[in-house]
């Protein structure tokens, strides 16, 4: 338990909280990281139903590695219902965008900073807040094939936090 503006917050940890390298996975979503929580999904849903708000931080740091190219997804997260989600933290549900895409500030005018796909370290991050589909149960990435371009990325997924 922690607090947010003086309100108690329930934090639910998992086995994927450390920053993790993704390298050598070229095909769309070929890297898979299943997320295992410290309590059952039934208990998680009960906590979320009793809370006004829930959030989970998600981040992808990329070097010459895409999240999206036009209508093709190379990286995504999976909801508790097993659905592939097409948006990233800080963006509207089903928008196909990242936080920067919501206000048109992404590198190269793309939907996500990582979609620039250049030889610079970039990142897309933010909070997922839809209690109907949280928590994240799986992370999937591609476009990190070990070639001369040195494509790679790092993912970070925070604890599920609920309050109110």
N, C-alpha and C. Protein backbone atom coordinates (compact mmCIF):
# COMPACT_ATOMS: atom_id res chain seq x y z
N UNK A 1 0.84 -1.19 0.00
CA UNK A 1 0.00 0.00 0.00
C UNK A 1 0.88 1.25 0.00
N UNK A 2 0.43 2.23 -0.75
CA UNK A 2 1.05 3.54 -0.74
C UNK A 2 -0.09 4.54 -0.77
N UNK A 3 0.18 5.81 -1.08
CA UNK A 3 -0.91 6.77 -1.15
C UNK A 3 -0.75 7.69 -2.35
N UNK A 4 -1.87 8.22 -2.82
CA UNK A 4 -1.90 9.17 -3.91
C UNK A 4 -2.78 10.31 -3.47
N UNK A 5 -2.19 11.48 -3.26
CA UNK A 5 -2.92 12.63 -2.72
C UNK A 5 -3.65 12.28 -1.42
N UNK A 6 -3.00 11.49 -0.57
CA UNK A 6 -3.57 11.12 0.71
C UNK A 6 -4.55 9.97 0.68
N UNK A 7 -4.87 9.46 -0.51
CA UNK A 7 -5.80 8.34 -0.65
C UNK A 7 -4.98 7.04 -0.71
N UNK A 8 -5.37 6.02 0.07
CA UNK A 8 -4.63 4.76 0.03
C UNK A 8 -4.65 4.13 -1.38
N UNK A 9 -3.51 3.62 -1.79
CA UNK A 9 -3.36 2.99 -3.09
C UNK A 9 -2.95 1.54 -2.89
N UNK A 10 -3.65 0.62 -3.54
CA UNK A 10 -3.26 -0.78 -3.53
C UNK A 10 -2.36 -1.02 -4.72
N UNK A 11 -1.18 -1.56 -4.47
CA UNK A 11 -0.23 -1.87 -5.54
C UNK A 11 -0.10 -3.38 -5.67
N UNK A 12 -0.26 -3.87 -6.89
CA UNK A 12 -0.17 -5.30 -7.16
C UNK A 12 1.05 -5.53 -8.04
N UNK A 13 2.04 -6.21 -7.48
CA UNK A 13 3.28 -6.45 -8.19
C UNK A 13 3.22 -7.66 -9.11
N UNK A 14 4.24 -7.77 -9.95
CA UNK A 14 4.35 -8.89 -10.89
C UNK A 14 5.81 -9.21 -11.16
N UNK A 15 6.03 -10.25 -11.95
CA UNK A 15 7.40 -10.73 -12.20
C UNK A 15 8.09 -10.05 -13.38
N UNK A 16 7.48 -8.99 -13.94
CA UNK A 16 8.07 -8.33 -15.10
C UNK A 16 8.33 -6.85 -14.88
N UNK A 17 8.65 -6.46 -13.66
CA UNK A 17 8.80 -5.05 -13.34
C UNK A 17 10.16 -4.47 -13.70
N UNK A 18 11.16 -5.29 -13.94
CA UNK A 18 12.49 -4.77 -14.25
C UNK A 18 12.60 -4.43 -15.74
N UNK A 19 13.41 -3.43 -16.03
CA UNK A 19 13.69 -3.01 -17.42
C UNK A 19 14.35 -4.20 -18.11
N UNK A 20 13.78 -4.62 -19.25
CA UNK A 20 14.20 -5.86 -19.90
C UNK A 20 14.55 -5.63 -21.37
N UNK A 21 15.69 -6.14 -21.79
CA UNK A 21 16.17 -6.02 -23.17
C UNK A 21 15.36 -6.90 -24.11
N UNK A 22 15.03 -6.34 -25.28
CA UNK A 22 14.41 -7.10 -26.38
C UNK A 22 15.38 -6.99 -27.56
N UNK A 23 15.94 -8.12 -27.98
CA UNK A 23 16.93 -8.12 -29.05
C UNK A 23 16.87 -9.46 -29.78
N UNK A 24 16.88 -9.42 -31.10
CA UNK A 24 16.92 -10.64 -31.88
C UNK A 24 15.56 -11.20 -32.26
N UNK A 25 14.52 -10.38 -32.25
CA UNK A 25 13.15 -10.82 -32.58
C UNK A 25 12.61 -9.93 -33.71
N UNK A 26 12.75 -10.37 -34.94
CA UNK A 26 12.39 -9.53 -36.08
C UNK A 26 10.90 -9.53 -36.40
N UNK A 27 10.25 -10.69 -36.37
CA UNK A 27 8.85 -10.78 -36.78
C UNK A 27 7.93 -10.05 -35.80
N UNK A 28 6.80 -9.58 -36.32
CA UNK A 28 5.81 -8.86 -35.52
C UNK A 28 5.46 -9.66 -34.26
N UNK A 29 5.64 -9.06 -33.09
CA UNK A 29 5.25 -9.67 -31.84
C UNK A 29 5.92 -10.99 -31.51
N UNK A 30 7.07 -11.28 -32.13
CA UNK A 30 7.71 -12.59 -31.91
C UNK A 30 8.35 -12.70 -30.53
N UNK A 31 8.67 -11.57 -29.90
CA UNK A 31 9.13 -11.59 -28.51
C UNK A 31 7.88 -11.61 -27.64
N UNK A 32 7.82 -12.54 -26.69
CA UNK A 32 6.68 -12.65 -25.79
C UNK A 32 7.15 -12.64 -24.35
N UNK A 33 6.54 -11.78 -23.55
CA UNK A 33 6.80 -11.78 -22.11
C UNK A 33 5.46 -11.89 -21.39
N UNK A 34 5.18 -13.07 -20.85
CA UNK A 34 3.97 -13.28 -20.06
C UNK A 34 4.17 -12.67 -18.68
N UNK A 35 3.15 -12.00 -18.18
CA UNK A 35 3.24 -11.32 -16.89
C UNK A 35 2.46 -12.12 -15.85
N UNK A 36 3.14 -12.47 -14.76
CA UNK A 36 2.53 -13.23 -13.67
C UNK A 36 2.44 -12.32 -12.44
N UNK A 37 1.22 -12.15 -11.94
CA UNK A 37 0.97 -11.28 -10.79
C UNK A 37 1.07 -12.07 -9.49
N UNK A 38 1.28 -11.34 -8.39
CA UNK A 38 1.44 -11.95 -7.08
C UNK A 38 0.16 -12.51 -6.49
N UNK A 39 -1.00 -12.14 -7.06
CA UNK A 39 -2.29 -12.67 -6.60
C UNK A 39 -3.09 -13.12 -7.81
N UNK A 40 -4.18 -13.82 -7.59
CA UNK A 40 -4.97 -14.37 -8.71
C UNK A 40 -5.66 -13.25 -9.50
N UNK A 41 -5.98 -13.53 -10.76
CA UNK A 41 -6.69 -12.56 -11.59
C UNK A 41 -8.06 -12.26 -11.00
N UNK A 42 -8.69 -13.24 -10.41
CA UNK A 42 -9.99 -13.03 -9.76
C UNK A 42 -9.87 -11.99 -8.64
N UNK A 43 -8.82 -12.10 -7.83
CA UNK A 43 -8.59 -11.13 -6.75
C UNK A 43 -8.26 -9.75 -7.32
N UNK A 44 -7.50 -9.71 -8.39
CA UNK A 44 -7.16 -8.43 -9.04
C UNK A 44 -8.44 -7.74 -9.52
N UNK A 45 -9.31 -8.49 -10.18
CA UNK A 45 -10.56 -7.92 -10.70
C UNK A 45 -11.43 -7.41 -9.55
N UNK A 46 -11.47 -8.14 -8.43
CA UNK A 46 -12.23 -7.71 -7.26
C UNK A 46 -11.71 -6.36 -6.76
N UNK A 47 -10.40 -6.23 -6.65
CA UNK A 47 -9.79 -4.97 -6.20
C UNK A 47 -10.12 -3.85 -7.18
N UNK A 48 -10.01 -4.12 -8.49
CA UNK A 48 -10.31 -3.08 -9.48
C UNK A 48 -11.77 -2.67 -9.42
N UNK A 49 -12.67 -3.62 -9.23
CA UNK A 49 -14.10 -3.31 -9.15
C UNK A 49 -14.45 -2.47 -7.93
N UNK A 50 -13.66 -2.59 -6.87
CA UNK A 50 -13.89 -1.82 -5.65
C UNK A 50 -13.18 -0.47 -5.66
N UNK A 51 -12.44 -0.19 -6.73
CA UNK A 51 -11.67 1.05 -6.84
C UNK A 51 -12.27 1.96 -7.90
N UNK A 52 -12.14 3.27 -7.68
CA UNK A 52 -12.60 4.22 -8.69
C UNK A 52 -11.61 4.31 -9.84
N UNK A 53 -10.32 4.23 -9.52
CA UNK A 53 -9.27 4.40 -10.52
C UNK A 53 -8.21 3.31 -10.41
N UNK A 54 -7.71 2.91 -11.58
CA UNK A 54 -6.55 2.01 -11.64
C UNK A 54 -5.66 2.49 -12.77
N UNK A 55 -4.36 2.22 -12.63
CA UNK A 55 -3.41 2.60 -13.67
C UNK A 55 -2.25 1.63 -13.67
N UNK A 56 -1.59 1.55 -14.83
CA UNK A 56 -0.39 0.74 -14.95
C UNK A 56 0.53 1.44 -15.94
N UNK A 57 1.76 1.72 -15.51
CA UNK A 57 2.75 2.39 -16.34
C UNK A 57 3.36 1.39 -17.31
N UNK A 58 3.53 1.83 -18.57
CA UNK A 58 4.15 0.99 -19.60
C UNK A 58 5.12 1.85 -20.40
N UNK A 59 6.27 1.28 -20.73
CA UNK A 59 7.29 2.03 -21.47
C UNK A 59 8.02 1.11 -22.42
N UNK A 60 8.30 1.64 -23.62
CA UNK A 60 9.17 0.94 -24.57
C UNK A 60 10.22 1.92 -25.03
N UNK A 61 11.49 1.58 -24.80
CA UNK A 61 12.62 2.35 -25.29
C UNK A 61 13.13 1.64 -26.54
N UNK A 62 13.36 2.41 -27.60
CA UNK A 62 13.66 1.78 -28.89
C UNK A 62 14.88 2.39 -29.56
N UNK A 63 15.63 1.55 -30.24
CA UNK A 63 16.73 1.98 -31.09
C UNK A 63 16.52 1.28 -32.43
N UNK A 64 16.07 2.06 -33.42
CA UNK A 64 15.78 1.52 -34.76
C UNK A 64 14.77 0.38 -34.69
N UNK A 65 13.81 0.48 -33.77
CA UNK A 65 12.80 -0.56 -33.56
C UNK A 65 11.42 0.07 -33.53
N UNK A 66 10.53 -0.42 -34.37
CA UNK A 66 9.17 0.11 -34.52
C UNK A 66 8.18 -0.46 -33.52
N UNK A 67 7.16 0.33 -33.20
CA UNK A 67 5.95 -0.20 -32.58
C UNK A 67 4.90 -0.44 -33.68
N UNK A 68 4.78 0.54 -34.60
CA UNK A 68 3.81 0.44 -35.71
C UNK A 68 4.44 0.91 -37.02
N UNK A 69 4.03 0.31 -38.11
CA UNK A 69 4.32 0.84 -39.44
C UNK A 69 3.01 0.80 -40.21
N UNK A 70 2.45 1.99 -40.43
CA UNK A 70 1.13 2.12 -41.02
C UNK A 70 0.13 1.27 -40.23
N UNK A 71 -0.50 0.28 -40.84
CA UNK A 71 -1.50 -0.51 -40.11
C UNK A 71 -0.92 -1.80 -39.50
N UNK A 72 0.39 -1.96 -39.56
CA UNK A 72 1.04 -3.18 -39.04
C UNK A 72 1.63 -2.88 -37.66
N UNK A 73 1.29 -3.71 -36.68
CA UNK A 73 1.85 -3.57 -35.33
C UNK A 73 3.02 -4.51 -35.15
N UNK A 74 4.12 -3.98 -34.64
CA UNK A 74 5.28 -4.79 -34.29
C UNK A 74 5.35 -5.01 -32.78
N UNK A 75 4.75 -4.08 -32.04
CA UNK A 75 4.73 -4.20 -30.58
C UNK A 75 3.34 -3.89 -30.06
N UNK A 76 2.95 -4.65 -29.02
CA UNK A 76 1.65 -4.42 -28.40
C UNK A 76 1.63 -5.05 -27.02
N UNK A 77 0.55 -4.79 -26.31
CA UNK A 77 0.32 -5.42 -25.01
C UNK A 77 -1.00 -6.16 -25.10
N UNK A 78 -1.20 -7.09 -24.18
CA UNK A 78 -2.39 -7.94 -24.19
C UNK A 78 -3.18 -7.69 -22.92
N UNK A 79 -4.49 -7.51 -23.09
CA UNK A 79 -5.39 -7.24 -21.96
C UNK A 79 -5.65 -8.52 -21.16
N UNK A 80 -6.34 -8.38 -20.03
CA UNK A 80 -6.64 -9.56 -19.22
C UNK A 80 -7.59 -10.51 -19.93
N UNK A 81 -8.33 -10.00 -20.94
CA UNK A 81 -9.22 -10.86 -21.73
C UNK A 81 -8.49 -11.56 -22.87
N UNK A 82 -7.19 -11.28 -23.02
CA UNK A 82 -6.41 -11.91 -24.07
C UNK A 82 -6.45 -11.17 -25.40
N UNK A 83 -6.87 -9.90 -25.37
CA UNK A 83 -7.00 -9.11 -26.60
C UNK A 83 -5.72 -8.32 -26.87
N UNK A 84 -5.27 -8.33 -28.12
CA UNK A 84 -4.13 -7.52 -28.54
C UNK A 84 -4.56 -6.06 -28.57
N UNK A 85 -3.87 -5.21 -27.84
CA UNK A 85 -4.24 -3.80 -27.74
C UNK A 85 -3.36 -2.96 -28.65
N UNK A 86 -3.99 -2.04 -29.38
CA UNK A 86 -3.29 -1.29 -30.43
C UNK A 86 -2.86 0.11 -29.99
N UNK A 87 -2.97 0.43 -28.72
CA UNK A 87 -2.55 1.75 -28.25
C UNK A 87 -1.57 1.59 -27.09
N UNK A 88 -0.86 2.66 -26.78
CA UNK A 88 0.18 2.62 -25.76
C UNK A 88 -0.18 3.56 -24.63
N UNK A 89 0.52 3.48 -23.53
CA UNK A 89 0.22 4.29 -22.35
C UNK A 89 0.12 5.78 -22.65
N UNK A 90 -0.90 6.41 -22.09
CA UNK A 90 -1.11 7.83 -22.27
C UNK A 90 -1.97 8.18 -23.48
N UNK A 91 -2.35 7.20 -24.26
CA UNK A 91 -3.18 7.44 -25.45
C UNK A 91 -4.60 6.94 -25.20
N UNK A 92 -5.51 7.39 -26.04
CA UNK A 92 -6.91 6.97 -25.94
C UNK A 92 -7.05 5.50 -26.35
N UNK A 93 -7.97 4.80 -25.68
CA UNK A 93 -8.25 3.40 -25.99
C UNK A 93 -8.59 3.26 -27.48
N UNK A 94 -8.03 2.24 -28.12
CA UNK A 94 -8.27 1.92 -29.53
C UNK A 94 -7.84 3.01 -30.50
N UNK A 95 -6.96 3.92 -30.08
CA UNK A 95 -6.52 5.01 -30.96
C UNK A 95 -5.42 4.59 -31.92
N UNK A 96 -4.71 3.48 -31.61
CA UNK A 96 -3.57 3.08 -32.43
C UNK A 96 -2.38 4.02 -32.24
N UNK A 97 -2.38 4.77 -31.13
CA UNK A 97 -1.34 5.78 -30.91
C UNK A 97 -0.65 5.60 -29.57
N UNK A 98 0.42 6.38 -29.41
CA UNK A 98 1.09 6.55 -28.12
C UNK A 98 0.70 7.92 -27.58
N UNK A 99 1.18 8.25 -26.39
CA UNK A 99 0.83 9.54 -25.77
C UNK A 99 1.17 10.71 -26.70
N UNK A 100 2.35 10.69 -27.32
CA UNK A 100 2.75 11.80 -28.19
C UNK A 100 1.85 11.92 -29.42
N UNK A 101 1.24 10.82 -29.84
CA UNK A 101 0.34 10.85 -30.99
C UNK A 101 -0.97 11.55 -30.70
N UNK A 102 -1.31 11.66 -29.43
CA UNK A 102 -2.56 12.33 -29.05
C UNK A 102 -2.46 13.84 -29.23
N UNK A 103 -1.24 14.37 -29.10
CA UNK A 103 -1.07 15.82 -29.27
C UNK A 103 -0.09 16.16 -30.39
N UNK A 104 0.13 15.22 -31.29
CA UNK A 104 0.96 15.42 -32.49
C UNK A 104 2.37 15.92 -32.16
N UNK A 105 3.01 15.31 -31.16
CA UNK A 105 4.38 15.69 -30.81
C UNK A 105 5.38 14.55 -31.03
N UNK A 106 4.96 13.47 -31.69
CA UNK A 106 5.86 12.33 -31.91
C UNK A 106 6.95 12.68 -32.93
N UNK A 107 8.10 12.05 -32.78
CA UNK A 107 9.21 12.22 -33.71
C UNK A 107 8.75 11.90 -35.14
N UNK A 108 9.06 12.77 -36.06
CA UNK A 108 8.73 12.54 -37.47
C UNK A 108 7.25 12.60 -37.79
N UNK A 109 6.44 13.13 -36.86
CA UNK A 109 5.01 13.23 -37.11
C UNK A 109 4.29 11.89 -37.13
N UNK A 110 4.87 10.88 -36.52
CA UNK A 110 4.29 9.53 -36.49
C UNK A 110 3.27 9.40 -35.37
N UNK A 111 2.74 8.17 -35.18
CA UNK A 111 1.78 7.90 -34.10
C UNK A 111 2.47 7.62 -32.77
N UNK A 112 3.75 7.22 -32.85
CA UNK A 112 4.58 6.94 -31.67
C UNK A 112 6.00 7.39 -31.98
N UNK A 113 6.77 7.73 -30.94
CA UNK A 113 8.17 8.12 -31.16
C UNK A 113 8.97 6.98 -31.79
N UNK A 114 8.71 5.75 -31.34
CA UNK A 114 9.47 4.60 -31.86
C UNK A 114 9.19 4.34 -33.34
N UNK A 115 8.08 4.84 -33.84
CA UNK A 115 7.75 4.63 -35.25
C UNK A 115 8.67 5.41 -36.19
N UNK A 116 9.46 6.34 -35.66
CA UNK A 116 10.46 7.06 -36.46
C UNK A 116 11.47 6.08 -37.00
N UNK A 117 11.77 5.00 -36.23
CA UNK A 117 12.60 3.89 -36.68
C UNK A 117 13.98 4.33 -37.15
N UNK A 118 14.64 5.18 -36.37
CA UNK A 118 15.95 5.66 -36.76
C UNK A 118 17.01 5.22 -35.74
N UNK A 119 18.23 5.63 -35.99
CA UNK A 119 19.35 5.22 -35.13
C UNK A 119 19.56 6.19 -33.99
N UNK A 120 18.48 6.46 -33.27
CA UNK A 120 18.52 7.27 -32.05
C UNK A 120 17.68 6.54 -31.02
N UNK A 121 18.08 6.64 -29.75
CA UNK A 121 17.26 6.09 -28.69
C UNK A 121 16.04 6.98 -28.52
N UNK A 122 14.86 6.37 -28.58
CA UNK A 122 13.60 7.07 -28.39
C UNK A 122 12.77 6.26 -27.40
N UNK A 123 11.67 6.81 -26.93
CA UNK A 123 10.83 6.07 -25.99
C UNK A 123 9.37 6.51 -26.11
N UNK A 124 8.49 5.56 -25.83
CA UNK A 124 7.06 5.82 -25.72
C UNK A 124 6.63 5.25 -24.37
N UNK A 125 5.92 6.09 -23.60
CA UNK A 125 5.51 5.64 -22.27
C UNK A 125 4.28 6.40 -21.80
N UNK A 126 3.67 5.86 -20.76
CA UNK A 126 2.52 6.51 -20.16
C UNK A 126 1.73 5.51 -19.35
N UNK A 127 0.60 5.98 -18.84
CA UNK A 127 -0.25 5.13 -18.00
C UNK A 127 -1.43 4.60 -18.78
N UNK A 128 -1.69 3.31 -18.60
CA UNK A 128 -2.92 2.67 -19.09
C UNK A 128 -3.92 2.80 -17.95
N UNK A 129 -5.16 3.18 -18.24
CA UNK A 129 -6.11 3.49 -17.16
C UNK A 129 -7.48 2.85 -17.31
N UNK A 130 -7.70 2.02 -18.32
CA UNK A 130 -9.02 1.42 -18.53
C UNK A 130 -9.17 0.17 -17.66
N UNK A 131 -9.93 0.29 -16.57
CA UNK A 131 -10.13 -0.83 -15.63
C UNK A 131 -10.80 -2.03 -16.27
N UNK A 132 -11.52 -1.83 -17.37
CA UNK A 132 -12.22 -2.94 -18.02
C UNK A 132 -11.27 -3.92 -18.70
N UNK A 133 -10.03 -3.49 -18.99
CA UNK A 133 -9.11 -4.37 -19.70
C UNK A 133 -7.79 -4.60 -18.96
N UNK A 134 -7.49 -3.76 -17.96
CA UNK A 134 -6.29 -3.98 -17.16
C UNK A 134 -6.45 -5.24 -16.32
N UNK A 135 -5.36 -5.83 -15.87
CA UNK A 135 -3.98 -5.45 -16.07
C UNK A 135 -3.40 -6.04 -17.36
N UNK A 136 -2.18 -5.58 -17.68
CA UNK A 136 -1.43 -6.13 -18.81
C UNK A 136 -1.04 -7.56 -18.45
N UNK A 137 -1.32 -8.49 -19.35
CA UNK A 137 -0.98 -9.89 -19.09
C UNK A 137 0.17 -10.40 -19.96
N UNK A 138 0.52 -9.64 -21.00
CA UNK A 138 1.57 -10.07 -21.91
C UNK A 138 2.11 -8.85 -22.66
N UNK A 139 3.40 -8.86 -22.94
CA UNK A 139 4.04 -7.85 -23.78
C UNK A 139 4.59 -8.55 -25.01
N UNK A 140 4.41 -7.93 -26.19
CA UNK A 140 4.87 -8.53 -27.45
C UNK A 140 5.63 -7.48 -28.25
N UNK A 141 6.79 -7.85 -28.78
CA UNK A 141 7.59 -6.93 -29.59
C UNK A 141 8.23 -7.65 -30.75
N UNK A 142 8.56 -6.90 -31.78
CA UNK A 142 9.31 -7.39 -32.93
C UNK A 142 10.22 -6.26 -33.41
N UNK A 143 10.72 -6.38 -34.64
CA UNK A 143 11.61 -5.39 -35.24
C UNK A 143 12.84 -5.13 -34.38
N UNK A 144 13.36 -6.20 -33.77
CA UNK A 144 14.62 -6.10 -33.03
C UNK A 144 15.60 -7.15 -33.51
N UNK A 145 15.51 -7.47 -34.80
CA UNK A 145 16.41 -8.48 -35.38
C UNK A 145 17.86 -8.05 -35.27
N UNK A 146 18.71 -9.02 -35.04
CA UNK A 146 20.13 -8.70 -34.86
C UNK A 146 20.80 -8.60 -36.23
N UNK A 147 20.72 -7.43 -36.82
CA UNK A 147 21.35 -7.19 -38.11
C UNK A 147 22.32 -6.03 -37.99
N UNK A 148 22.77 -5.52 -39.13
CA UNK A 148 23.75 -4.42 -39.10
C UNK A 148 23.20 -3.12 -38.53
N UNK A 149 21.86 -2.98 -38.45
CA UNK A 149 21.27 -1.75 -37.94
C UNK A 149 21.27 -1.69 -36.41
N UNK A 150 21.50 -2.81 -35.74
CA UNK A 150 21.56 -2.82 -34.29
C UNK A 150 20.23 -2.57 -33.61
N UNK A 151 19.14 -3.04 -34.22
CA UNK A 151 17.80 -2.84 -33.67
C UNK A 151 17.67 -3.49 -32.29
N UNK A 152 17.08 -2.75 -31.35
CA UNK A 152 16.81 -3.31 -30.03
C UNK A 152 15.87 -2.40 -29.27
N UNK A 153 15.39 -2.92 -28.16
CA UNK A 153 14.51 -2.13 -27.32
C UNK A 153 14.56 -2.63 -25.88
N UNK A 154 13.94 -1.86 -24.99
CA UNK A 154 13.78 -2.24 -23.60
C UNK A 154 12.34 -1.98 -23.21
N UNK A 155 11.74 -2.93 -22.49
CA UNK A 155 10.39 -2.69 -21.98
C UNK A 155 10.41 -2.60 -20.46
N UNK A 156 9.50 -1.79 -19.94
CA UNK A 156 9.31 -1.64 -18.51
C UNK A 156 7.81 -1.61 -18.26
N UNK A 157 7.35 -2.38 -17.29
CA UNK A 157 5.94 -2.42 -16.93
C UNK A 157 5.82 -2.25 -15.42
N UNK A 158 5.08 -1.24 -15.01
CA UNK A 158 4.93 -0.96 -13.58
C UNK A 158 3.89 -1.83 -12.90
N UNK A 159 3.83 -1.68 -11.60
CA UNK A 159 2.80 -2.37 -10.81
C UNK A 159 1.42 -1.86 -11.21
N UNK A 160 0.40 -2.68 -11.02
CA UNK A 160 -0.97 -2.22 -11.16
C UNK A 160 -1.30 -1.46 -9.87
N UNK A 161 -1.81 -0.23 -10.01
CA UNK A 161 -2.12 0.61 -8.85
C UNK A 161 -3.59 0.99 -8.90
N UNK A 162 -4.32 0.76 -7.80
CA UNK A 162 -5.75 1.10 -7.73
C UNK A 162 -6.03 1.89 -6.47
N UNK A 163 -6.97 2.84 -6.56
CA UNK A 163 -7.35 3.69 -5.42
C UNK A 163 -8.74 4.26 -5.59
N UNK A 164 -9.22 4.84 -4.50
CA UNK A 164 -10.53 5.55 -4.52
C UNK A 164 -11.73 4.66 -4.33
